[in-house]
Amino acid sequence: MERRDMLKVMATLPLGSWALDADRVGEAATHAARVLGAADRASDGSGQPEPFTPAFFNALEWRTVRVLVDVVIPRDAKSGSATEAGVPEFMDFIMVEYPGNRARMRSGLGWLNAESRRRTAVPFPDASDAQRLALVEDIAWPRRAKPEHAPGVEFFSAFRDLTATGFFTSRMGIEDLGYIGNVANFGWNGCPPEVLAHFGLKE
């Protein structure tokens, strides 16, 4: 399975680790879309909205989030990156609306920047691409991660899930999925026999 396909599956899973509900996730995605829409209007000369100011993240955290989400979902031949889809704005909304998640997010970003400084003398967003990817590789695979990286592993796993949810509930992500809504499928022939057999059911 390709990485982006794996992330699509992850985006459909319940995010119990972040204590979110579907209605508020949708609201967060709508909020991010409004922010991006305002930026688009400014770029085409039809308006001059204020630049987005995060309500939760401080300056370094905001830069870190914007870099890290694009490590998780970079631009490819099919779609833009997580930042282009409004995932950082989505996350800021989630942190505001779900205060119980703030400590986890803040401590995780703090760990990432502290580890980057330990390795490279600069925080994560200021490291080189190769340095950032090396750090992420050390925390992206729980089974092979070193014990001392456990806080980073736990944070990155949850952050990756939240990134996937933010991306695949955005307009860009929905187009990436190829979702067409409630449209009749006249080619549907019912559940495949092998699936019915697997569950001990009959046609």
Foldseek 3Di string as FASTA:
>chain_A
DDLLVVLLVLLPDDLVVLPDDPVVLLVLQVQLVVLLVQVVCVVVPNDDDDHDDQPQDDPVLLLVLLVVQCVLADDDPQFHGLVNLRLSSSVSSSCVVRVVCRVLSVVLQVVQQVVLCVVPVGGLSPDDPVSNVVSCVQQCDVVPHDPVCVSNNVSVVSSSSSSSNSRCSGPRNVVVVVDDPPDDDPPDPDDDPVVCVVVPHDD
